Amino acid sequence: MELRGNWNEMKGKLKQKYAELTDDDLKYEEGREDELLGRLQQKLGKTDREIREALRDL
């Protein structure tokens, strides 16, 4: 999954789509995508696949 470069834009879109997400939920560190995906799965109650698809569709 490619998050570098356009993460700030994606983060804004995620916050619009899922108002319950906080800045802490969306904290991204390069090379630690799995931690971000895990936080999103837990917060949104979605599967890894659903999260990846949502990110791709932004």
PDB file of N, CA and C in Angstrom:
ATOM      1  N   MET A   1       0.853  -1.177   0.000  1.00  0.00           N
ATOM      2  CA  MET A   1       0.000   0.000   0.000  1.00  0.00           C
ATOM      3  C   MET A   1       0.896   1.236   0.000  1.00  0.00           C
ATOM      4  N   GLU A   2       0.616   2.160  -0.847  1.00  0.00           N
ATOM      5  CA  GLU A   2       1.430   3.377  -0.993  1.00  0.00           C
ATOM      6  C   GLU A   2       0.754   4.537  -0.281  1.00  0.00           C
ATOM      7  N   LEU A   3       1.371   4.973   0.827  1.00  0.00           N
ATOM      8  CA  LEU A   3       0.809   6.084   1.592  1.00  0.00           C
ATOM      9  C   LEU A   3       1.668   7.328   1.517  1.00  0.00           C
ATOM     10  N   ARG A   4       2.947   7.165   1.232  1.00  0.00           N
ATOM     11  CA  ARG A   4       3.844   8.316   1.202  1.00  0.00           C
ATOM     12  C   ARG A   4       3.368   9.332   0.179  1.00  0.00           C
ATOM     13  N   GLY A   5       3.681  10.575   0.430  1.00  0.00           N
ATOM     14  CA  GLY A   5       3.400  11.637  -0.530  1.00  0.00           C
ATOM     15  C   GLY A   5       2.016  12.234  -0.399  1.00  0.00           C
ATOM     16  N   ASN A   6       0.997  11.420  -0.507  1.00  0.00           N
ATOM     17  CA  ASN A   6      -0.360  11.966  -0.486  1.00  0.00           C
ATOM     18  C   ASN A   6      -1.094  11.645   0.813  1.00  0.00           C
ATOM     19  N   TRP A   7      -0.365  11.305   1.881  1.00  0.00           N
ATOM     20  CA  TRP A   7      -1.019  10.909   3.118  1.00  0.00           C
ATOM     21  C   TRP A   7      -1.855  12.031   3.717  1.00  0.00           C
ATOM     22  N   ASN A   8      -1.380  13.270   3.689  1.00  0.00           N
ATOM     23  CA  ASN A   8      -2.161  14.366   4.270  1.00  0.00           C
ATOM     24  C   ASN A   8      -3.510  14.516   3.584  1.00  0.00           C
ATOM     25  N   GLU A   9      -3.522  14.370   2.278  1.00  0.00           N
ATOM     26  CA  GLU A   9      -4.781  14.441   1.530  1.00  0.00           C
ATOM     27  C   GLU A   9      -5.690  13.271   1.899  1.00  0.00           C
ATOM     28  N   MET A  10      -5.125  12.069   1.953  1.00  0.00           N
ATOM     29  CA  MET A  10      -5.910  10.886   2.306  1.00  0.00           C
ATOM     30  C   MET A  10      -6.456  10.998   3.730  1.00  0.00           C
ATOM     31  N   LYS A  11      -5.634  11.519   4.630  1.00  0.00           N
ATOM     32  CA  LYS A  11      -6.041  11.669   6.024  1.00  0.00           C
ATOM     33  C   LYS A  11      -7.265  12.585   6.117  1.00  0.00           C
ATOM     34  N   GLY A  12      -7.250  13.686   5.382  1.00  0.00           N
ATOM     35  CA  GLY A  12      -8.390  14.598   5.380  1.00  0.00           C
ATOM     36  C   GLY A  12      -9.656  13.935   4.865  1.00  0.00           C
ATOM     37  N   LYS A  13      -9.525  13.153   3.821  1.00  0.00           N
ATOM     38  CA  LYS A  13     -10.683  12.460   3.266  1.00  0.00           C
ATOM     39  C   LYS A  13     -11.213  11.406   4.229  1.00  0.00           C
ATOM     40  N   LEU A  14     -10.307  10.707   4.913  1.00  0.00           N
ATOM     41  CA  LEU A  14     -10.744   9.713   5.896  1.00  0.00           C
ATOM     42  C   LEU A  14     -11.502  10.370   7.038  1.00  0.00           C
ATOM     43  N   LYS A  15     -11.023  11.528   7.494  1.00  0.00           N
ATOM     44  CA  LYS A  15     -11.705  12.232   8.590  1.00  0.00           C
ATOM     45  C   LYS A  15     -13.090  12.702   8.153  1.00  0.00           C
ATOM     46  N   GLN A  16     -13.237  13.067   6.879  1.00  0.00           N
ATOM     47  CA  GLN A  16     -14.552  13.469   6.381  1.00  0.00           C
ATOM     48  C   GLN A  16     -15.494  12.271   6.325  1.00  0.00           C
ATOM     49  N   LYS A  17     -14.970  11.134   5.863  1.00  0.00           N
ATOM     50  CA  LYS A  17     -15.791   9.936   5.688  1.00  0.00           C
ATOM     51  C   LYS A  17     -16.118   9.267   7.020  1.00  0.00           C
ATOM     52  N   TYR A  18     -15.145   9.263   7.939  1.00  0.00           N
ATOM     53  CA  TYR A  18     -15.302   8.608   9.240  1.00  0.00           C
ATOM     54  C   TYR A  18     -15.024   9.633  10.335  1.00  0.00           C
ATOM     55  N   ALA A  19     -16.041  10.341  10.737  1.00  0.00           N
ATOM     56  CA  ALA A  19     -15.891  11.440  11.695  1.00  0.00           C
ATOM     57  C   ALA A  19     -15.331  10.983  13.037  1.00  0.00           C
ATOM     58  N   GLU A  20     -15.454   9.693  13.355  1.00  0.00           N
ATOM     59  CA  GLU A  20     -14.972   9.206  14.645  1.00  0.00           C
ATOM     60  C   GLU A  20     -13.451   9.058  14.714  1.00  0.00           C
ATOM     61  N   LEU A  21     -12.765   9.199  13.590  1.00  0.00           N
ATOM     62  CA  LEU A  21     -11.311   9.074  13.583  1.00  0.00           C
ATOM     63  C   LEU A  21     -10.644  10.334  14.122  1.00  0.00           C
ATOM     64  N   THR A  22      -9.609  10.134  14.911  1.00  0.00           N
ATOM     65  CA  THR A  22      -8.851  11.248  15.479  1.00  0.00           C
ATOM     66  C   THR A  22      -7.479  11.335  14.810  1.00  0.00           C
ATOM     67  N   ASP A  23      -6.762  12.410  15.101  1.00  0.00           N
ATOM     68  CA  ASP A  23      -5.400  12.533  14.577  1.00  0.00           C
ATOM     69  C   ASP A  23      -4.520  11.397  15.063  1.00  0.00           C
ATOM     70  N   ASP A  24      -4.713  10.963  16.306  1.00  0.00           N
ATOM     71  CA  ASP A  24      -3.935   9.841  16.829  1.00  0.00           C
ATOM     72  C   ASP A  24      -4.232   8.558  16.062  1.00  0.00           C
ATOM     73  N   ASP A  25      -5.493   8.342  15.702  1.00  0.00           N
ATOM     74  CA  ASP A  25      -5.858   7.155  14.917  1.00  0.00           C
ATOM     75  C   ASP A  25      -5.158   7.161  13.570  1.00  0.00           C
ATOM     76  N   LEU A  26      -4.953   8.350  13.030  1.00  0.00           N
ATOM     77  CA  LEU A  26      -4.417   8.482  11.679  1.00  0.00           C
ATOM     78  C   LEU A  26      -2.927   8.805  11.649  1.00  0.00           C
ATOM     79  N   LYS A  27      -2.259   8.630  12.771  1.00  0.00           N
ATOM     80  CA  LYS A  27      -0.822   8.881  12.821  1.00  0.00           C
ATOM     81  C   LYS A  27      -0.110   7.849  11.951  1.00  0.00           C
ATOM     82  N   TYR A  28       0.676   8.334  11.007  1.00  0.00           N
ATOM     83  CA  TYR A  28       1.375   7.451  10.067  1.00  0.00           C
ATOM     84  C   TYR A  28       2.870   7.692  10.145  1.00  0.00           C
ATOM     85  N   GLU A  29       3.608   6.610  10.310  1.00  0.00           N
ATOM     86  CA  GLU A  29       5.059   6.672  10.259  1.00  0.00           C
ATOM     87  C   GLU A  29       5.509   5.745   9.138  1.00  0.00           C
ATOM     88  N   GLU A  30       6.372   6.245   8.302  1.00  0.00           N
ATOM     89  CA  GLU A  30       6.858   5.463   7.173  1.00  0.00           C
ATOM     90  C   GLU A  30       7.412   4.127   7.657  1.00  0.00           C
ATOM     91  N   GLY A  31       7.020   3.068   6.977  1.00  0.00           N
ATOM     92  CA  GLY A  31       7.468   1.731   7.322  1.00  0.00           C
ATOM     93  C   GLY A  31       6.611   1.048   8.385  1.00  0.00           C
ATOM     94  N   ARG A  32       5.604   1.752   8.897  1.00  0.00           N
ATOM     95  CA  ARG A  32       4.760   1.189   9.957  1.00  0.00           C
ATOM     96  C   ARG A  32       3.287   1.191   9.545  1.00  0.00           C
ATOM     97  N   GLU A  33       3.050   0.872   8.283  1.00  0.00           N
ATOM     98  CA  GLU A  33       1.689   0.869   7.753  1.00  0.00           C
ATOM     99  C   GLU A  33       0.794  -0.118   8.494  1.00  0.00           C
ATOM    100  N   ASP A  34       1.367  -1.263   8.918  1.00  0.00           N
ATOM    101  CA  ASP A  34       0.557  -2.273   9.598  1.00  0.00           C
ATOM    102  C   ASP A  34      -0.035  -1.745  10.897  1.00  0.00           C
ATOM    103  N   GLU A  35       0.715  -0.915  11.616  1.00  0.00           N
ATOM    104  CA  GLU A  35       0.189  -0.336  12.851  1.00  0.00           C
ATOM    105  C   GLU A  35      -0.995   0.584  12.551  1.00  0.00           C
ATOM    106  N   LEU A  36      -0.864   1.391  11.510  1.00  0.00           N
ATOM    107  CA  LEU A  36      -1.957   2.277  11.099  1.00  0.00           C
ATOM    108  C   LEU A  36      -3.180   1.454  10.717  1.00  0.00           C
ATOM    109  N   LEU A  37      -2.990   0.420   9.914  1.00  0.00           N
ATOM    110  CA  LEU A  37      -4.111  -0.420   9.494  1.00  0.00           C
ATOM    111  C   LEU A  37      -4.782  -1.074  10.696  1.00  0.00           C
ATOM    112  N   GLY A  38      -3.985  -1.522  11.653  1.00  0.00           N
ATOM    113  CA  GLY A  38      -4.544  -2.132  12.861  1.00  0.00           C
ATOM    114  C   GLY A  38      -5.394  -1.154  13.652  1.00  0.00           C
ATOM    115  N   ARG A  39      -4.914   0.085  13.792  1.00  0.00           N
ATOM    116  CA  ARG A  39      -5.698   1.102  14.510  1.00  0.00           C
ATOM    117  C   ARG A  39      -7.015   1.370  13.795  1.00  0.00           C
ATOM    118  N   LEU A  40      -6.956   1.477  12.464  1.00  0.00           N
ATOM    119  CA  LEU A  40      -8.175   1.745  11.696  1.00  0.00           C
ATOM    120  C   LEU A  40      -9.150   0.577  11.790  1.00  0.00           C
ATOM    121  N   GLN A  41      -8.637  -0.655  11.731  1.00  0.00           N
ATOM    122  CA  GLN A  41      -9.500  -1.828  11.861  1.00  0.00           C
ATOM    123  C   GLN A  41     -10.225  -1.814  13.196  1.00  0.00           C
ATOM    124  N   GLN A  42      -9.488  -1.558  14.252  1.00  0.00           N
ATOM    125  CA  GLN A  42     -10.063  -1.564  15.589  1.00  0.00           C
ATOM    126  C   GLN A  42     -11.092  -0.450  15.761  1.00  0.00           C
ATOM    127  N   LYS A  43     -10.755   0.736  15.323  1.00  0.00           N
ATOM    128  CA  LYS A  43     -11.636   1.890  15.509  1.00  0.00           C
ATOM    129  C   LYS A  43     -12.901   1.783  14.662  1.00  0.00           C
ATOM    130  N   LEU A  44     -12.763   1.299  13.418  1.00  0.00           N
ATOM    131  CA  LEU A  44     -13.897   1.271  12.501  1.00  0.00           C
ATOM    132  C   LEU A  44     -14.631  -0.069  12.472  1.00  0.00           C
ATOM    133  N   GLY A  45     -14.040  -1.105  13.077  1.00  0.00           N
ATOM    134  CA  GLY A  45     -14.682  -2.420  13.079  1.00  0.00           C
ATOM    135  C   GLY A  45     -14.747  -3.037  11.703  1.00  0.00           C
ATOM    136  N   LYS A  46     -13.714  -2.808  10.914  1.00  0.00           N
ATOM    137  CA  LYS A  46     -13.662  -3.341   9.550  1.00  0.00           C
ATOM    138  C   LYS A  46     -12.479  -4.295   9.421  1.00  0.00           C
ATOM    139  N   THR A  47     -12.501  -5.130   8.392  1.00  0.00           N
ATOM    140  CA  THR A  47     -11.406  -6.060   8.154  1.00  0.00           C
ATOM    141  C   THR A  47     -10.246  -5.345   7.477  1.00  0.00           C
ATOM    142  N   ASP A  48      -9.101  -6.000   7.475  1.00  0.00           N
ATOM    143  CA  ASP A  48      -7.920  -5.454   6.802  1.00  0.00           C
ATOM    144  C   ASP A  48      -8.246  -5.162   5.339  1.00  0.00           C
ATOM    145  N   ARG A  49      -8.910  -6.098   4.699  1.00  0.00           N
ATOM    146  CA  ARG A  49      -9.265  -5.924   3.288  1.00  0.00           C
ATOM    147  C   ARG A  49     -10.179  -4.720   3.078  1.00  0.00           C
ATOM    148  N   GLU A  50     -11.173  -4.558   3.942  1.00  0.00           N
ATOM    149  CA  GLU A  50     -12.096  -3.420   3.835  1.00  0.00           C
ATOM    150  C   GLU A  50     -11.358  -2.096   4.004  1.00  0.00           C
ATOM    151  N   ILE A  51     -10.414  -2.053   4.953  1.00  0.00           N
ATOM    152  CA  ILE A  51      -9.641  -0.822   5.163  1.00  0.00           C
ATOM    153  C   ILE A  51      -8.793  -0.515   3.943  1.00  0.00           C
ATOM    154  N   ARG A  52      -8.117  -1.531   3.422  1.00  0.00           N
ATOM    155  CA  ARG A  52      -7.262  -1.322   2.233  1.00  0.00           C
ATOM    156  C   ARG A  52      -8.075  -0.838   1.034  1.00  0.00           C
ATOM    157  N   GLU A  53      -9.272  -1.418   0.850  1.00  0.00           N
ATOM    158  CA  GLU A  53     -10.149  -0.995  -0.240  1.00  0.00           C
ATOM    159  C   GLU A  53     -10.615   0.442  -0.038  1.00  0.00           C
ATOM    160  N   ALA A  54     -10.946   0.803   1.194  1.00  0.00           N
ATOM    161  CA  ALA A  54     -11.382   2.175   1.481  1.00  0.00           C
ATOM    162  C   ALA A  54     -10.265   3.162   1.178  1.00  0.00           C
ATOM    163  N   LEU A  55      -9.036   2.816   1.536  1.00  0.00           N
ATOM    164  CA  LEU A  55      -7.903   3.697   1.262  1.00  0.00           C
ATOM    165  C   LEU A  55      -7.653   3.818  -0.242  1.00  0.00           C
ATOM    166  N   ARG A  56      -7.805   2.724  -0.958  1.00  0.00           N
ATOM    167  CA  ARG A  56      -7.616   2.756  -2.413  1.00  0.00           C
ATOM    168  C   ARG A  56      -8.667   3.614  -3.095  1.00  0.00           C
ATOM    169  N   ASP A  57      -9.879   3.616  -2.535  1.00  0.00           N
ATOM    170  CA  ASP A  57     -11.000   4.341  -3.157  1.00  0.00           C
ATOM    171  C   ASP A  57     -11.004   5.830  -2.879  1.00  0.00           C
ATOM    172  N   LEU A  58     -10.093   6.306  -2.024  1.00  0.00           N
ATOM    173  CA  LEU A  58     -10.076   7.738  -1.688  1.00  0.00           C
ATOM    174  C   LEU A  58      -9.592   8.578  -2.846  1.00  0.00           C
TER     175      LEU A  58
END
